[in-house]
């Protein structure tokens, strides 16, 4: 989970914060026409928020589903806050020319890592994680946090140019590989 377990009791607070951030994005769109995000991006964020609310209703009462839903809400809130503060981050030139959209994908790929059981397809597969389910779970949990952090950072630094984006992604990949390997060996 991206947040500590204490956050499970604060699910309504997280949803309220996301509502306020999305409302701020719409206010920026309405009142600041020169620096506003595009209507398509804002509409997509609104639809994603509605889907997250529906997911929250569907998983209410299931502990594991609630954790996953809260993680998705954290990712949504983070990228929506970027939309409010730096709407140029979602411009076509940033997403297409600087490849910053890959940062969002890395963040989204990282979220389920905390929840997948041992398998052959998805997750951190090194000898230490293959031997123990507990090591697998903790190592993948760390990998999820690293992916989320470096995905968001590379998305932001991609505004500086493609070189900054690629450098951030490369550092993130190195931290992911080395960090999870050392952590898994320490746990086993």
N, C-alpha and C. Protein backbone atom coordinates (compact mmCIF):
# COMPACT_ATOMS: atom_id res chain seq x y z
N UNK A 1 0.84 -1.18 0.00
CA UNK A 1 0.00 0.00 0.00
C UNK A 1 0.88 1.24 0.00
N UNK A 2 0.49 2.23 -0.78
CA UNK A 2 1.28 3.44 -0.89
C UNK A 2 1.25 4.27 0.39
N UNK A 3 0.14 4.19 1.12
CA UNK A 3 0.01 4.90 2.40
C UNK A 3 0.07 3.89 3.54
N UNK A 4 0.40 4.34 4.74
CA UNK A 4 0.38 3.41 5.88
C UNK A 4 -1.03 2.88 6.13
N UNK A 5 -1.12 1.79 6.88
CA UNK A 5 -2.42 1.17 7.16
C UNK A 5 -3.37 2.10 7.91
N UNK A 6 -2.85 3.13 8.55
CA UNK A 6 -3.69 4.08 9.27
C UNK A 6 -4.66 4.76 8.31
N UNK A 7 -4.26 4.89 7.06
CA UNK A 7 -5.08 5.58 6.07
C UNK A 7 -6.38 4.85 5.78
N UNK A 8 -6.47 3.58 6.12
CA UNK A 8 -7.70 2.83 5.87
C UNK A 8 -8.88 3.46 6.59
N UNK A 9 -8.63 4.00 7.76
CA UNK A 9 -9.72 4.63 8.51
C UNK A 9 -10.04 6.03 7.98
N UNK A 10 -9.22 6.54 7.11
CA UNK A 10 -9.39 7.91 6.58
C UNK A 10 -9.85 7.90 5.12
N UNK A 11 -10.54 6.86 4.70
CA UNK A 11 -10.93 6.76 3.29
C UNK A 11 -11.81 7.93 2.85
N UNK A 12 -12.71 8.36 3.71
CA UNK A 12 -13.59 9.48 3.34
C UNK A 12 -12.82 10.78 3.23
N UNK A 13 -11.79 10.93 4.06
CA UNK A 13 -10.96 12.14 3.99
C UNK A 13 -10.22 12.17 2.66
N UNK A 14 -9.68 11.02 2.25
CA UNK A 14 -8.96 10.96 0.98
C UNK A 14 -9.90 11.27 -0.18
N UNK A 15 -11.11 10.73 -0.14
CA UNK A 15 -12.09 11.03 -1.19
C UNK A 15 -12.48 12.50 -1.19
N UNK A 16 -12.61 13.09 -0.02
CA UNK A 16 -12.95 14.51 0.08
C UNK A 16 -11.82 15.38 -0.47
N UNK A 17 -10.59 15.03 -0.14
CA UNK A 17 -9.44 15.79 -0.65
C UNK A 17 -9.41 15.71 -2.17
N UNK A 18 -9.65 14.52 -2.73
CA UNK A 18 -9.68 14.38 -4.18
C UNK A 18 -10.80 15.21 -4.79
N UNK A 19 -11.95 15.27 -4.12
CA UNK A 19 -13.07 16.08 -4.61
C UNK A 19 -12.69 17.56 -4.65
N UNK A 20 -12.02 18.02 -3.60
CA UNK A 20 -11.60 19.43 -3.54
C UNK A 20 -10.57 19.72 -4.63
N UNK A 21 -9.63 18.82 -4.83
CA UNK A 21 -8.61 19.04 -5.87
C UNK A 21 -9.25 19.09 -7.25
N UNK A 22 -10.19 18.17 -7.51
CA UNK A 22 -10.87 18.18 -8.81
C UNK A 22 -11.72 19.45 -8.98
N UNK A 23 -12.35 19.90 -7.91
CA UNK A 23 -13.12 21.16 -7.97
C UNK A 23 -12.20 22.34 -8.26
N UNK A 24 -11.00 22.33 -7.67
CA UNK A 24 -10.03 23.39 -7.96
C UNK A 24 -9.60 23.36 -9.43
N UNK A 25 -9.47 22.17 -9.98
CA UNK A 25 -9.11 22.05 -11.40
C UNK A 25 -10.21 22.65 -12.28
N UNK A 26 -11.47 22.37 -11.94
CA UNK A 26 -12.57 22.94 -12.70
C UNK A 26 -12.64 24.46 -12.52
N UNK A 27 -12.35 24.95 -11.32
CA UNK A 27 -12.34 26.40 -11.09
C UNK A 27 -11.23 27.06 -11.91
N UNK A 28 -10.09 26.42 -11.97
CA UNK A 28 -9.00 26.96 -12.78
C UNK A 28 -9.41 27.00 -14.25
N UNK A 29 -10.08 25.95 -14.69
CA UNK A 29 -10.55 25.92 -16.08
C UNK A 29 -11.54 27.05 -16.35
N UNK A 30 -12.40 27.32 -15.38
CA UNK A 30 -13.44 28.33 -15.57
C UNK A 30 -12.93 29.76 -15.47
N UNK A 31 -12.02 30.02 -14.54
CA UNK A 31 -11.65 31.40 -14.23
C UNK A 31 -10.28 31.83 -14.73
N UNK A 32 -9.43 30.92 -15.13
CA UNK A 32 -8.10 31.28 -15.63
C UNK A 32 -7.92 30.72 -17.03
N UNK A 33 -8.51 31.35 -18.04
CA UNK A 33 -8.51 30.76 -19.38
C UNK A 33 -7.14 30.67 -20.04
N UNK A 34 -6.20 31.52 -19.65
CA UNK A 34 -4.89 31.49 -20.31
C UNK A 34 -4.03 30.32 -19.85
N UNK A 35 -4.22 29.89 -18.62
CA UNK A 35 -3.37 28.81 -18.09
C UNK A 35 -4.18 27.57 -17.74
N UNK A 36 -5.32 27.42 -18.33
CA UNK A 36 -6.18 26.30 -17.94
C UNK A 36 -5.80 25.02 -18.68
N UNK A 37 -6.12 23.89 -18.07
CA UNK A 37 -5.92 22.61 -18.76
C UNK A 37 -6.96 22.45 -19.86
N UNK A 38 -6.74 21.51 -20.75
CA UNK A 38 -7.71 21.30 -21.82
C UNK A 38 -8.97 20.65 -21.26
N UNK A 39 -10.08 20.89 -21.95
CA UNK A 39 -11.35 20.34 -21.50
C UNK A 39 -11.33 18.81 -21.55
N UNK A 40 -10.67 18.24 -22.55
CA UNK A 40 -10.59 16.78 -22.67
C UNK A 40 -9.88 16.15 -21.49
N UNK A 41 -8.77 16.74 -21.08
CA UNK A 41 -8.02 16.21 -19.93
C UNK A 41 -8.85 16.33 -18.66
N UNK A 42 -9.48 17.47 -18.48
CA UNK A 42 -10.30 17.69 -17.29
C UNK A 42 -11.51 16.76 -17.28
N UNK A 43 -12.11 16.56 -18.44
CA UNK A 43 -13.22 15.61 -18.54
C UNK A 43 -12.79 14.19 -18.23
N UNK A 44 -11.60 13.81 -18.70
CA UNK A 44 -11.08 12.48 -18.41
C UNK A 44 -10.84 12.31 -16.91
N UNK A 45 -10.30 13.33 -16.27
CA UNK A 45 -10.09 13.26 -14.82
C UNK A 45 -11.42 13.13 -14.08
N UNK A 46 -12.44 13.82 -14.56
CA UNK A 46 -13.76 13.73 -13.92
C UNK A 46 -14.34 12.33 -14.07
N UNK A 47 -14.20 11.74 -15.25
CA UNK A 47 -14.69 10.37 -15.46
C UNK A 47 -13.91 9.36 -14.61
N UNK A 48 -12.61 9.56 -14.50
CA UNK A 48 -11.79 8.67 -13.67
C UNK A 48 -12.22 8.79 -12.21
N UNK A 49 -12.49 10.01 -11.77
CA UNK A 49 -12.93 10.20 -10.39
C UNK A 49 -14.27 9.50 -10.14
N UNK A 50 -15.18 9.60 -11.10
CA UNK A 50 -16.47 8.91 -10.95
C UNK A 50 -16.26 7.40 -10.88
N UNK A 51 -15.35 6.88 -11.69
CA UNK A 51 -15.05 5.44 -11.65
C UNK A 51 -14.44 5.05 -10.30
N UNK A 52 -13.59 5.91 -9.75
CA UNK A 52 -12.99 5.62 -8.44
C UNK A 52 -14.03 5.65 -7.33
N UNK A 53 -14.99 6.55 -7.43
CA UNK A 53 -16.08 6.56 -6.44
C UNK A 53 -16.90 5.28 -6.54
N UNK A 54 -17.18 4.85 -7.76
CA UNK A 54 -17.92 3.60 -7.95
C UNK A 54 -17.13 2.41 -7.42
N UNK A 55 -15.83 2.40 -7.67
CA UNK A 55 -14.98 1.32 -7.14
C UNK A 55 -14.99 1.33 -5.62
N UNK A 56 -14.96 2.50 -5.03
CA UNK A 56 -14.98 2.62 -3.57
C UNK A 56 -16.27 2.03 -3.00
N UNK A 57 -17.38 2.27 -3.67
CA UNK A 57 -18.66 1.71 -3.23
C UNK A 57 -18.66 0.19 -3.38
N UNK A 58 -18.08 -0.30 -4.48
CA UNK A 58 -18.09 -1.74 -4.74
C UNK A 58 -17.23 -2.52 -3.76
N UNK A 59 -16.10 -1.96 -3.34
CA UNK A 59 -15.19 -2.70 -2.46
C UNK A 59 -15.40 -2.39 -0.99
N UNK A 60 -16.36 -1.56 -0.67
CA UNK A 60 -16.58 -1.18 0.72
C UNK A 60 -16.81 -2.43 1.58
N UNK A 61 -16.00 -2.59 2.59
CA UNK A 61 -16.10 -3.73 3.48
C UNK A 61 -15.06 -4.80 3.21
N UNK A 62 -14.46 -4.80 2.04
CA UNK A 62 -13.41 -5.77 1.72
C UNK A 62 -12.06 -5.10 1.96
N UNK A 63 -11.30 -5.63 2.89
CA UNK A 63 -10.06 -4.99 3.33
C UNK A 63 -9.06 -4.82 2.18
N UNK A 64 -8.80 -5.89 1.45
CA UNK A 64 -7.80 -5.84 0.38
C UNK A 64 -8.25 -4.92 -0.76
N UNK A 65 -9.52 -4.99 -1.12
CA UNK A 65 -10.04 -4.12 -2.17
C UNK A 65 -10.02 -2.66 -1.76
N UNK A 66 -10.27 -2.40 -0.49
CA UNK A 66 -10.25 -1.03 0.01
C UNK A 66 -8.84 -0.45 -0.07
N UNK A 67 -7.83 -1.26 0.26
CA UNK A 67 -6.45 -0.79 0.16
C UNK A 67 -6.10 -0.42 -1.28
N UNK A 68 -6.46 -1.30 -2.21
CA UNK A 68 -6.16 -1.05 -3.62
C UNK A 68 -6.89 0.20 -4.11
N UNK A 69 -8.14 0.35 -3.72
CA UNK A 69 -8.92 1.51 -4.11
C UNK A 69 -8.31 2.80 -3.55
N UNK A 70 -7.84 2.75 -2.31
CA UNK A 70 -7.20 3.94 -1.73
C UNK A 70 -5.89 4.27 -2.44
N UNK A 71 -5.14 3.24 -2.84
CA UNK A 71 -3.91 3.48 -3.59
C UNK A 71 -4.22 4.17 -4.92
N UNK A 72 -5.25 3.71 -5.60
CA UNK A 72 -5.65 4.36 -6.85
C UNK A 72 -6.08 5.80 -6.60
N UNK A 73 -6.74 6.04 -5.48
CA UNK A 73 -7.14 7.41 -5.13
C UNK A 73 -5.94 8.29 -4.84
N UNK A 74 -4.89 7.73 -4.24
CA UNK A 74 -3.67 8.50 -3.99
C UNK A 74 -3.02 8.89 -5.32
N UNK A 75 -2.95 7.93 -6.25
CA UNK A 75 -2.37 8.23 -7.57
C UNK A 75 -3.22 9.29 -8.27
N UNK A 76 -4.53 9.13 -8.24
CA UNK A 76 -5.42 10.11 -8.87
C UNK A 76 -5.23 11.49 -8.25
N UNK A 77 -5.22 11.56 -6.93
CA UNK A 77 -5.06 12.85 -6.26
C UNK A 77 -3.74 13.52 -6.59
N UNK A 78 -2.69 12.72 -6.68
CA UNK A 78 -1.37 13.27 -7.00
C UNK A 78 -1.35 13.88 -8.40
N UNK A 79 -1.85 13.12 -9.37
CA UNK A 79 -1.83 13.63 -10.74
C UNK A 79 -2.86 14.74 -10.96
N UNK A 80 -3.93 14.73 -10.21
CA UNK A 80 -4.91 15.81 -10.30
C UNK A 80 -4.33 17.10 -9.69
N UNK A 81 -3.56 16.96 -8.63
CA UNK A 81 -2.89 18.13 -8.05
C UNK A 81 -1.89 18.72 -9.03
N UNK A 82 -1.20 17.86 -9.76
CA UNK A 82 -0.30 18.36 -10.81
C UNK A 82 -1.11 19.10 -11.86
N UNK A 83 -2.30 18.59 -12.17
CA UNK A 83 -3.17 19.26 -13.15
C UNK A 83 -3.55 20.66 -12.68
N UNK A 84 -3.80 20.81 -11.38
CA UNK A 84 -4.17 22.13 -10.85
C UNK A 84 -2.96 23.06 -10.84
N UNK A 85 -1.82 22.57 -10.39
CA UNK A 85 -0.65 23.43 -10.23
C UNK A 85 0.12 23.66 -11.52
N UNK A 86 0.23 22.62 -12.35
CA UNK A 86 1.00 22.71 -13.60
C UNK A 86 0.21 22.12 -14.76
N UNK A 87 -0.79 22.82 -15.24
CA UNK A 87 -1.60 22.25 -16.33
C UNK A 87 -0.82 22.01 -17.61
N UNK A 88 0.31 22.69 -17.78
CA UNK A 88 1.13 22.47 -18.97
C UNK A 88 1.73 21.07 -19.00
N UNK A 89 1.76 20.40 -17.85
CA UNK A 89 2.30 19.04 -17.82
C UNK A 89 1.46 18.10 -18.66
N UNK A 90 0.21 18.44 -18.88
CA UNK A 90 -0.69 17.60 -19.66
C UNK A 90 -0.85 18.08 -21.10
N UNK A 91 -0.04 19.04 -21.51
CA UNK A 91 -0.10 19.51 -22.89
C UNK A 91 0.41 18.42 -23.82
N UNK A 92 -0.06 18.45 -25.06
CA UNK A 92 0.35 17.42 -26.02
C UNK A 92 1.85 17.40 -26.24
N UNK A 93 2.49 18.58 -26.23
CA UNK A 93 3.93 18.61 -26.45
C UNK A 93 4.68 17.89 -25.34
N UNK A 94 4.23 18.05 -24.11
CA UNK A 94 4.90 17.37 -22.99
C UNK A 94 4.66 15.87 -23.05
N UNK A 95 3.43 15.46 -23.31
CA UNK A 95 3.10 14.04 -23.31
C UNK A 95 3.73 13.32 -24.49
N UNK A 96 3.65 13.91 -25.68
CA UNK A 96 4.12 13.23 -26.90
C UNK A 96 5.61 13.46 -27.14
N UNK A 97 6.04 14.71 -27.15
CA UNK A 97 7.43 15.01 -27.50
C UNK A 97 8.41 14.62 -26.40
N UNK A 98 8.05 14.85 -25.15
CA UNK A 98 8.96 14.56 -24.05
C UNK A 98 8.69 13.20 -23.40
N UNK A 99 7.68 12.50 -23.87
CA UNK A 99 7.33 11.15 -23.41
C UNK A 99 6.93 11.10 -21.94
N UNK A 100 6.45 12.20 -21.38
CA UNK A 100 6.13 12.21 -19.96
C UNK A 100 4.96 11.30 -19.60
N UNK A 101 4.14 10.95 -20.58
CA UNK A 101 3.04 10.03 -20.32
C UNK A 101 3.51 8.68 -19.81
N UNK A 102 4.75 8.32 -20.14
CA UNK A 102 5.31 7.06 -19.63
C UNK A 102 5.45 7.11 -18.11
N UNK A 103 5.63 8.29 -17.54
CA UNK A 103 5.71 8.42 -16.09
C UNK A 103 4.40 8.02 -15.43
N UNK A 104 3.28 8.40 -16.04
CA UNK A 104 1.97 8.00 -15.52
C UNK A 104 1.82 6.49 -15.61
N UNK A 105 2.26 5.92 -16.71
CA UNK A 105 2.15 4.47 -16.90
C UNK A 105 2.99 3.73 -15.86
N UNK A 106 4.19 4.22 -15.59
CA UNK A 106 5.04 3.58 -14.57
C UNK A 106 4.36 3.64 -13.20
N UNK A 107 3.75 4.77 -12.88
CA UNK A 107 3.02 4.88 -11.60
C UNK A 107 1.88 3.88 -11.53
N UNK A 108 1.14 3.75 -12.62
CA UNK A 108 0.00 2.83 -12.63
C UNK A 108 0.43 1.37 -12.64
N UNK A 109 1.55 1.07 -13.26
CA UNK A 109 2.07 -0.30 -13.24
C UNK A 109 2.50 -0.66 -11.83
N UNK A 110 3.02 0.30 -11.09
CA UNK A 110 3.51 0.03 -9.75
C UNK A 110 2.43 -0.22 -8.71
N UNK A 111 1.25 0.37 -8.88
CA UNK A 111 0.20 0.26 -7.85
C UNK A 111 -0.19 -1.19 -7.54
N UNK A 112 -0.46 -2.05 -8.53
CA UNK A 112 -0.87 -3.42 -8.20
C UNK A 112 0.24 -4.30 -7.62
N UNK A 113 1.49 -3.85 -7.69
CA UNK A 113 2.58 -4.69 -7.20
C UNK A 113 2.41 -5.09 -5.74
N UNK A 114 1.80 -4.25 -4.95
CA UNK A 114 1.62 -4.57 -3.53
C UNK A 114 0.61 -5.68 -3.29
N UNK A 115 -0.17 -6.01 -4.30
CA UNK A 115 -1.31 -6.90 -4.09
C UNK A 115 -1.24 -8.23 -4.84
N UNK A 116 -0.32 -8.37 -5.76
CA UNK A 116 -0.29 -9.61 -6.54
C UNK A 116 0.39 -10.73 -5.75
N UNK A 117 -0.18 -11.94 -5.81
CA UNK A 117 0.50 -13.07 -5.20
C UNK A 117 1.68 -13.50 -6.08
N UNK A 118 2.49 -14.38 -5.56
CA UNK A 118 3.63 -14.86 -6.35
C UNK A 118 3.12 -15.48 -7.64
N UNK A 119 3.76 -15.13 -8.74
CA UNK A 119 3.37 -15.66 -10.04
C UNK A 119 4.56 -15.59 -10.97
N UNK A 120 4.37 -16.03 -12.19
CA UNK A 120 5.48 -16.06 -13.15
C UNK A 120 5.50 -14.84 -14.08
N UNK A 121 4.50 -14.00 -14.00
CA UNK A 121 4.39 -12.93 -14.99
C UNK A 121 4.65 -11.53 -14.45
N UNK A 122 4.14 -11.21 -13.28
CA UNK A 122 4.12 -9.83 -12.82
C UNK A 122 4.66 -9.73 -11.41
N UNK A 123 5.64 -8.88 -11.22
CA UNK A 123 6.23 -8.69 -9.91
C UNK A 123 7.74 -8.77 -9.97
N UNK A 124 8.36 -8.56 -8.83
CA UNK A 124 9.82 -8.63 -8.72
C UNK A 124 10.20 -10.09 -8.53
N UNK A 125 10.83 -10.65 -9.55
CA UNK A 125 11.17 -12.07 -9.53
C UNK A 125 12.68 -12.23 -9.46
N UNK A 126 13.17 -12.36 -8.25
CA UNK A 126 14.58 -12.65 -8.02
C UNK A 126 14.63 -13.85 -7.08
N UNK A 127 15.76 -14.51 -6.95
CA UNK A 127 15.80 -15.73 -6.12
C UNK A 127 15.26 -15.55 -4.70
N UNK A 128 15.54 -14.42 -4.08
CA UNK A 128 15.08 -14.21 -2.70
C UNK A 128 13.56 -14.14 -2.62
N UNK A 129 12.91 -13.57 -3.62
CA UNK A 129 11.45 -13.46 -3.57
C UNK A 129 10.77 -14.76 -3.97
N UNK A 130 11.46 -15.61 -4.71
CA UNK A 130 10.88 -16.89 -5.11
C UNK A 130 10.79 -17.86 -3.95
N UNK A 131 11.65 -17.67 -2.96
CA UNK A 131 11.72 -18.64 -1.86
C UNK A 131 10.70 -18.39 -0.75
N UNK A 132 10.20 -17.17 -0.62
CA UNK A 132 9.32 -16.86 0.51
C UNK A 132 8.19 -15.92 0.08
N UNK A 133 6.94 -16.27 0.42
CA UNK A 133 5.84 -15.36 0.11
C UNK A 133 5.93 -14.03 0.86
N UNK A 134 6.46 -14.05 2.07
CA UNK A 134 6.59 -12.81 2.85
C UNK A 134 7.60 -11.86 2.21
N UNK A 135 8.72 -12.42 1.75
CA UNK A 135 9.73 -11.60 1.09
C UNK A 135 9.17 -11.06 -0.23
N UNK A 136 8.44 -11.91 -0.95
CA UNK A 136 7.80 -11.48 -2.20
C UNK A 136 6.90 -10.26 -1.94
N UNK A 137 6.06 -10.37 -0.92
CA UNK A 137 5.09 -9.32 -0.63
C UNK A 137 5.78 -8.01 -0.24
N UNK A 138 6.74 -8.09 0.66
CA UNK A 138 7.43 -6.87 1.12
C UNK A 138 8.27 -6.23 0.02
N UNK A 139 8.92 -7.06 -0.79
CA UNK A 139 9.74 -6.53 -1.88
C UNK A 139 8.88 -5.86 -2.94
N UNK A 140 7.77 -6.48 -3.28
CA UNK A 140 6.87 -5.88 -4.26
C UNK A 140 6.21 -4.61 -3.72
N UNK A 141 6.00 -4.58 -2.42
CA UNK A 141 5.46 -3.38 -1.79
C UNK A 141 6.44 -2.21 -1.94
N UNK A 142 7.71 -2.48 -1.71
CA UNK A 142 8.75 -1.46 -1.90
C UNK A 142 8.80 -1.04 -3.37
N UNK A 143 8.73 -2.01 -4.27
CA UNK A 143 8.77 -1.70 -5.71
C UNK A 143 7.60 -0.82 -6.12
N UNK A 144 6.43 -1.05 -5.52
CA UNK A 144 5.26 -0.22 -5.84
C UNK A 144 5.51 1.23 -5.45
N UNK A 145 6.08 1.44 -4.29
CA UNK A 145 6.36 2.81 -3.85
C UNK A 145 7.42 3.48 -4.72
N UNK A 146 8.44 2.72 -5.11
CA UNK A 146 9.49 3.27 -5.97
C UNK A 146 8.90 3.64 -7.33
N UNK A 147 8.10 2.75 -7.90
CA UNK A 147 7.49 3.03 -9.21
C UNK A 147 6.59 4.26 -9.15
N UNK A 148 5.80 4.36 -8.11
CA UNK A 148 4.92 5.53 -7.98
C UNK A 148 5.74 6.81 -7.86
N UNK A 149 6.75 6.80 -7.01
CA UNK A 149 7.57 7.99 -6.80
C UNK A 149 8.32 8.43 -8.04
N UNK A 150 9.02 7.49 -8.66
CA UNK A 150 9.80 7.86 -9.83
C UNK A 150 8.93 8.09 -11.06
N UNK A 151 7.78 7.45 -11.13
CA UNK A 151 6.85 7.74 -12.23
C UNK A 151 6.36 9.18 -12.17
N UNK A 152 5.96 9.61 -10.98
CA UNK A 152 5.51 10.99 -10.81
C UNK A 152 6.63 11.99 -11.01
N UNK A 153 7.81 11.67 -10.49
CA UNK A 153 8.95 12.57 -10.64
C UNK A 153 9.36 12.71 -12.10
N UNK A 154 9.37 11.60 -12.83
CA UNK A 154 9.74 11.68 -14.24
C UNK A 154 8.68 12.43 -15.04
N UNK A 155 7.42 12.30 -14.64
CA UNK A 155 6.36 13.06 -15.30
C UNK A 155 6.59 14.56 -15.11
N UNK A 156 6.92 14.97 -13.90
CA UNK A 156 7.17 16.39 -13.63
C UNK A 156 8.44 16.89 -14.31
N UNK A 157 9.52 16.14 -14.18
CA UNK A 157 10.78 16.59 -14.75
C UNK A 157 10.79 16.51 -16.27
N UNK A 158 9.84 15.77 -16.83
CA UNK A 158 9.72 15.74 -18.28
C UNK A 158 9.36 17.10 -18.86
N UNK A 159 8.82 17.99 -18.03
CA UNK A 159 8.53 19.35 -18.49
C UNK A 159 9.81 20.09 -18.86
N UNK A 160 10.92 19.70 -18.25
CA UNK A 160 12.19 20.36 -18.54
C UNK A 160 12.78 19.90 -19.86
N UNK A 161 12.29 18.80 -20.39
CA UNK A 161 12.78 18.28 -21.66
C UNK A 161 12.90 16.78 -21.63
N UNK A 162 13.12 16.23 -22.80
CA UNK A 162 13.20 14.78 -22.93
C UNK A 162 14.42 14.21 -22.21
N UNK A 163 15.53 14.94 -22.20
CA UNK A 163 16.73 14.46 -21.53
C UNK A 163 16.51 14.31 -20.03
N UNK A 164 15.83 15.28 -19.42
CA UNK A 164 15.54 15.19 -17.98
C UNK A 164 14.61 14.02 -17.69
N UNK A 165 13.64 13.80 -18.57
CA UNK A 165 12.73 12.67 -18.40
C UNK A 165 13.48 11.34 -18.46
N UNK A 166 14.31 11.18 -19.48
CA UNK A 166 15.04 9.92 -19.65
C UNK A 166 16.01 9.71 -18.50
N UNK A 167 16.68 10.75 -18.05
CA UNK A 167 17.59 10.63 -16.92
C UNK A 167 16.85 10.20 -15.66
N UNK A 168 15.70 10.80 -15.40
CA UNK A 168 14.91 10.43 -14.22
C UNK A 168 14.43 9.00 -14.30
N UNK A 169 13.98 8.57 -15.48
CA UNK A 169 13.53 7.18 -15.64
C UNK A 169 14.69 6.21 -15.46
N UNK A 170 15.87 6.57 -15.96
CA UNK A 170 17.04 5.69 -15.82
C UNK A 170 17.44 5.57 -14.35
N UNK A 171 17.47 6.68 -13.64
CA UNK A 171 17.79 6.63 -12.21
C UNK A 171 16.73 5.82 -11.47
N UNK A 172 15.47 6.01 -11.82
CA UNK A 172 14.39 5.24 -11.20
C UNK A 172 14.53 3.75 -11.43
N UNK A 173 14.90 3.37 -12.65
CA UNK A 173 15.08 1.94 -12.96
C UNK A 173 16.24 1.36 -12.15
N UNK A 174 17.32 2.12 -12.03
CA UNK A 174 18.47 1.64 -11.25
C UNK A 174 18.09 1.51 -9.78
N UNK A 175 17.41 2.51 -9.23
CA UNK A 175 16.98 2.45 -7.83
C UNK A 175 16.03 1.28 -7.63
N UNK A 176 15.14 1.04 -8.57
CA UNK A 176 14.20 -0.08 -8.47
C UNK A 176 14.93 -1.41 -8.44
N UNK A 177 15.84 -1.62 -9.36
CA UNK A 177 16.56 -2.90 -9.44
C UNK A 177 17.46 -3.09 -8.23
N UNK A 178 18.30 -2.12 -7.95
CA UNK A 178 19.25 -2.26 -6.84
C UNK A 178 18.53 -2.27 -5.50
N UNK A 179 17.59 -1.36 -5.32
CA UNK A 179 16.88 -1.27 -4.04
C UNK A 179 16.10 -2.52 -3.70
N UNK A 180 15.36 -3.06 -4.66
CA UNK A 180 14.58 -4.27 -4.37
C UNK A 180 15.48 -5.48 -4.19
N UNK A 181 16.57 -5.55 -4.93
CA UNK A 181 17.49 -6.68 -4.77
C UNK A 181 18.12 -6.66 -3.38
N UNK A 182 18.61 -5.51 -2.95
CA UNK A 182 19.23 -5.41 -1.62
C UNK A 182 18.21 -5.66 -0.52
N UNK A 183 17.02 -5.10 -0.68
CA UNK A 183 15.96 -5.28 0.33
C UNK A 183 15.54 -6.74 0.43
N UNK A 184 15.38 -7.41 -0.69
CA UNK A 184 14.98 -8.82 -0.67
C UNK A 184 16.07 -9.68 -0.03
N UNK A 185 17.32 -9.39 -0.33
CA UNK A 185 18.41 -10.17 0.28
C UNK A 185 18.48 -9.93 1.77
N UNK A 186 18.21 -8.70 2.20
CA UNK A 186 18.21 -8.38 3.62
C UNK A 186 17.09 -9.12 4.35
N UNK A 187 15.93 -9.23 3.71
CA UNK A 187 14.80 -9.92 4.33
C UNK A 187 14.97 -11.43 4.40
N UNK A 188 15.69 -12.00 3.44
CA UNK A 188 15.81 -13.48 3.43
C UNK A 188 17.00 -13.98 4.22
